[in-house]
């Protein structure tokens, strides 16, 4: 078995079993890639042909508006997949960026290989259907939370979703993800600390 891909295989088999033959077939279409901090894996305007499974590191998916302001859509840490999904799925130019926030490693799978293997390996089809379904649900929940919850409530959910990420990501990026200013986030955290002391 290809040890360098074991982390991904473990992730897949938590959702659906794979035979040894299926694993060997999948290995032929994967590649392990080292990335450096601040390296851009996907840029606005790229034609995204790869999905990236995070073996090690922390990444962000973000959008930049016409005035140059950044909006962080999501983070990806170990065992997350990350790409501009719209570009990857439909073949148009990307509208978002994927950037490494730490040195790390990703396993890449091309769109062509994924489409071919999904046809050949039903278990892999089930795996990606589950992954994408969970991503859609998470997106809807985040929209709902933005409409119905306070910033503090959303911050607590963020911390549960990404444990210990505040040790890995600058505060201004967390504020961007929450849709608030870094100053507001700092004041909110100070208020949380004060209430715990009392």
Protein backbone atom coordinates (compact mmCIF):
# COMPACT_ATOMS: atom_id res chain seq x y z
CA UNK A 1 0.00 0.00 0.00
CA UNK A 2 1.18 3.53 -0.76
CA UNK A 3 1.92 4.85 2.73
CA UNK A 4 2.01 8.45 1.57
CA UNK A 5 -1.70 8.21 0.72
CA UNK A 6 -2.75 6.34 3.88
CA UNK A 7 -4.30 9.43 5.49
CA UNK A 8 -6.68 9.88 2.57
CA UNK A 9 -7.50 6.17 2.44
CA UNK A 10 -8.33 6.28 6.15
CA UNK A 11 -10.62 9.24 5.51
CA UNK A 12 -12.41 7.44 2.68
CA UNK A 13 -12.85 4.18 4.59
CA UNK A 14 -14.46 5.99 7.52
CA UNK A 15 -17.32 6.62 5.07
CA UNK A 16 -17.24 3.58 2.79
CA UNK A 17 -15.10 0.43 2.48
CA UNK A 18 -12.53 -0.06 -0.26
CA UNK A 19 -11.05 -3.28 -1.58
CA UNK A 20 -7.29 -3.58 -1.98
CA UNK A 21 -7.78 -3.51 -5.75
CA UNK A 22 -9.79 -0.28 -5.50
CA UNK A 23 -7.08 1.28 -3.34
CA UNK A 24 -4.41 0.33 -5.86
CA UNK A 25 -6.49 1.86 -8.66
CA UNK A 26 -6.98 5.11 -6.72
CA UNK A 27 -3.25 5.39 -5.95
CA UNK A 28 -2.45 5.63 -9.66
CA UNK A 29 -4.36 8.89 -9.94
CA UNK A 30 -3.11 10.68 -6.84
CA UNK A 31 -0.06 12.85 -6.31
CA UNK A 32 1.45 14.19 -3.10
CA UNK A 33 2.56 17.82 -3.24
CA UNK A 34 4.49 19.93 -0.76
CA UNK A 35 3.37 23.55 -0.41
CA UNK A 36 4.94 26.57 1.18
CA UNK A 37 3.33 29.18 3.38
CA UNK A 38 1.63 31.90 1.28
CA UNK A 39 1.66 29.68 -1.82
CA UNK A 40 -1.44 30.09 -3.98
CA UNK A 41 -2.95 26.79 -5.14
CA UNK A 42 -5.88 28.39 -6.96
CA UNK A 43 -6.10 32.00 -8.17
CA UNK A 44 -9.01 34.08 -9.41
CA UNK A 45 -9.23 33.43 -13.15
CA UNK A 46 -7.54 30.01 -13.06
CA UNK A 47 -9.24 27.03 -14.64
CA UNK A 48 -9.25 24.73 -11.63
CA UNK A 49 -8.48 21.15 -12.56
CA UNK A 50 -7.55 19.69 -9.15
CA UNK A 51 -9.10 18.92 -5.79
CA UNK A 52 -6.68 19.16 -2.86
CA UNK A 53 -6.88 16.94 0.23
CA UNK A 54 -5.01 18.49 3.15
CA UNK A 55 -2.53 16.04 4.64
CA UNK A 56 -0.75 18.68 6.68
CA UNK A 57 -1.21 22.43 7.02
CA UNK A 58 -3.87 25.10 7.06
CA UNK A 59 -5.43 26.79 4.01
CA UNK A 60 -7.99 29.46 3.31
CA UNK A 61 -10.51 29.92 0.50
CA UNK A 62 -11.18 33.60 -0.09
CA UNK A 63 -12.76 36.06 -2.47
CA UNK A 64 -11.46 39.53 -3.34
CA UNK A 65 -13.96 42.22 -4.35
CA UNK A 66 -13.40 45.01 -6.90
CA UNK A 67 -12.03 47.29 -4.17
CA UNK A 68 -9.47 44.70 -3.10
CA UNK A 69 -11.21 43.67 0.12
CA UNK A 70 -10.83 40.01 1.07
CA UNK A 71 -13.66 37.80 2.29
CA UNK A 72 -12.71 34.43 3.74
CA UNK A 73 -15.25 31.77 2.83
CA UNK A 74 -13.73 28.84 4.68
CA UNK A 75 -10.60 27.32 6.15
CA UNK A 76 -9.23 23.84 5.50
CA UNK A 77 -7.03 21.94 7.93
CA UNK A 78 -5.95 18.31 8.01
CA UNK A 79 -8.45 15.91 6.37
CA UNK A 80 -10.37 18.67 4.57
CA UNK A 81 -10.74 19.02 0.80
CA UNK A 82 -10.16 22.45 -0.74
CA UNK A 83 -10.59 23.97 -4.20
CA UNK A 84 -12.76 26.48 -6.05
CA UNK A 85 -15.58 23.97 -6.37
CA UNK A 86 -17.56 25.87 -9.02
CA UNK A 87 -14.56 26.08 -11.37
CA UNK A 88 -13.54 22.49 -10.63
CA UNK A 89 -17.04 21.14 -11.28
CA UNK A 90 -18.13 23.18 -14.29
CA UNK A 91 -14.84 24.15 -15.90
CA UNK A 92 -15.17 27.93 -15.84
CA UNK A 93 -12.59 30.35 -14.42
CA UNK A 94 -12.18 30.42 -10.65
CA UNK A 95 -13.59 33.37 -8.74
CA UNK A 96 -11.80 32.55 -5.50
CA UNK A 97 -8.29 31.94 -4.21
CA UNK A 98 -6.88 29.03 -2.24
CA UNK A 99 -3.80 29.98 -0.20
CA UNK A 100 -1.56 27.99 2.14
CA UNK A 101 -1.31 29.63 5.55
CA UNK A 102 1.40 27.20 6.67
CA UNK A 103 3.96 24.93 5.07
CA UNK A 104 2.20 21.66 4.39
CA UNK A 105 1.28 18.82 2.08
CA UNK A 106 -1.74 18.10 -0.10
CA UNK A 107 -2.86 15.11 -2.10
CA UNK A 108 -4.19 16.19 -5.48
CA UNK A 109 -6.78 14.47 -7.65
CA UNK A 110 -7.56 15.84 -11.10
CA UNK A 111 -11.09 16.35 -12.43
CA UNK A 112 -10.45 13.95 -15.30
CA UNK A 113 -9.19 11.23 -12.96
CA UNK A 114 -12.03 11.80 -10.51
CA UNK A 115 -14.68 11.50 -13.21
CA UNK A 116 -13.11 8.30 -14.56
CA UNK A 117 -12.65 6.72 -11.14
CA UNK A 118 -16.14 7.65 -9.95
CA UNK A 119 -17.48 5.63 -12.86
CA UNK A 120 -15.23 2.66 -12.02
CA UNK A 121 -15.42 2.64 -8.21
CA UNK A 122 -18.91 3.02 -6.69
CA UNK A 123 -17.43 3.38 -3.20
CA UNK A 124 -15.48 6.43 -4.31
CA UNK A 125 -18.65 7.91 -5.78
CA UNK A 126 -20.37 7.41 -2.41
CA UNK A 127 -17.43 9.04 -0.61
CA UNK A 128 -17.43 12.20 -2.72
CA UNK A 129 -21.22 12.44 -2.68
CA UNK A 130 -21.01 12.41 1.13
CA UNK A 131 -18.21 14.99 1.18
CA UNK A 132 -20.00 17.36 -1.19
CA UNK A 133 -23.36 16.88 0.51
CA UNK A 134 -21.76 17.78 3.85
CA UNK A 135 -20.16 20.85 2.26
CA UNK A 136 -23.52 22.04 0.91
CA UNK A 137 -25.20 21.50 4.28
CA UNK A 138 -22.39 23.37 6.05
CA UNK A 139 -22.82 26.29 3.64
CA UNK A 140 -26.57 26.47 4.24
CA UNK A 141 -26.07 26.28 8.00
CA UNK A 142 -23.54 29.10 7.87
CA UNK A 143 -25.98 31.29 5.89
CA UNK A 144 -28.71 30.50 8.40
CA UNK A 145 -26.39 31.30 11.32
CA UNK A 146 -25.45 34.63 9.75
CA UNK A 147 -29.15 35.56 9.60
CA UNK A 148 -30.23 34.28 12.99
CA UNK A 149 -27.30 34.24 15.43
CA UNK A 150 -25.24 36.81 17.24
CA UNK A 151 -21.57 37.20 16.37
CA UNK A 152 -20.65 35.61 19.69
CA UNK A 153 -22.75 32.53 18.92
CA UNK A 154 -21.20 32.25 15.46
CA UNK A 155 -17.73 32.64 16.97
CA UNK A 156 -18.36 29.77 19.39
CA UNK A 157 -19.52 27.57 16.48
CA UNK A 158 -16.40 28.55 14.53
CA UNK A 159 -14.17 27.49 17.44
CA UNK A 160 -15.88 24.11 17.66
CA UNK A 161 -15.59 23.54 13.92
CA UNK A 162 -11.91 24.51 13.79
CA UNK A 163 -10.40 23.53 17.18
CA UNK A 164 -7.12 25.30 18.00
CA UNK A 165 -7.16 27.18 14.69
CA UNK A 166 -6.68 30.49 16.52
CA UNK A 167 -3.11 29.34 17.21
CA UNK A 168 -2.57 28.90 13.47
CA UNK A 169 -4.47 31.78 11.83
CA UNK A 170 -4.10 35.57 12.26
CA UNK A 171 -6.96 37.26 14.10
CA UNK A 172 -7.85 39.47 11.13
CA UNK A 173 -8.56 36.35 9.06
CA UNK A 174 -10.90 34.97 11.71
CA UNK A 175 -12.64 38.36 11.78
CA UNK A 176 -12.98 38.23 7.98
CA UNK A 177 -14.53 34.76 8.19
CA UNK A 178 -17.03 36.03 10.79
CA UNK A 179 -17.76 39.20 8.78
CA UNK A 180 -16.57 41.60 11.48
CA UNK A 181 -13.60 43.88 12.06
CA UNK A 182 -10.49 42.66 13.91
CA UNK A 183 -11.14 45.36 16.52
CA UNK A 184 -14.64 44.05 17.19
CA UNK A 185 -13.32 40.49 17.50
CA UNK A 186 -10.66 41.63 19.96
CA UNK A 187 -13.23 43.44 22.13
CA UNK A 188 -15.55 40.45 22.02
CA UNK A 189 -12.78 38.11 23.16
CA UNK A 190 -11.85 40.50 25.95
CA UNK A 191 -15.47 40.50 27.08
CA UNK A 192 -15.51 36.71 27.06
CA UNK A 193 -12.35 36.59 29.20
CA UNK A 194 -13.77 39.11 31.67
CA UNK A 195 -17.02 37.16 32.09
CA UNK A 196 -15.05 33.95 32.81
CA UNK A 197 -13.03 35.72 35.52
CA UNK A 198 -16.17 37.02 37.17
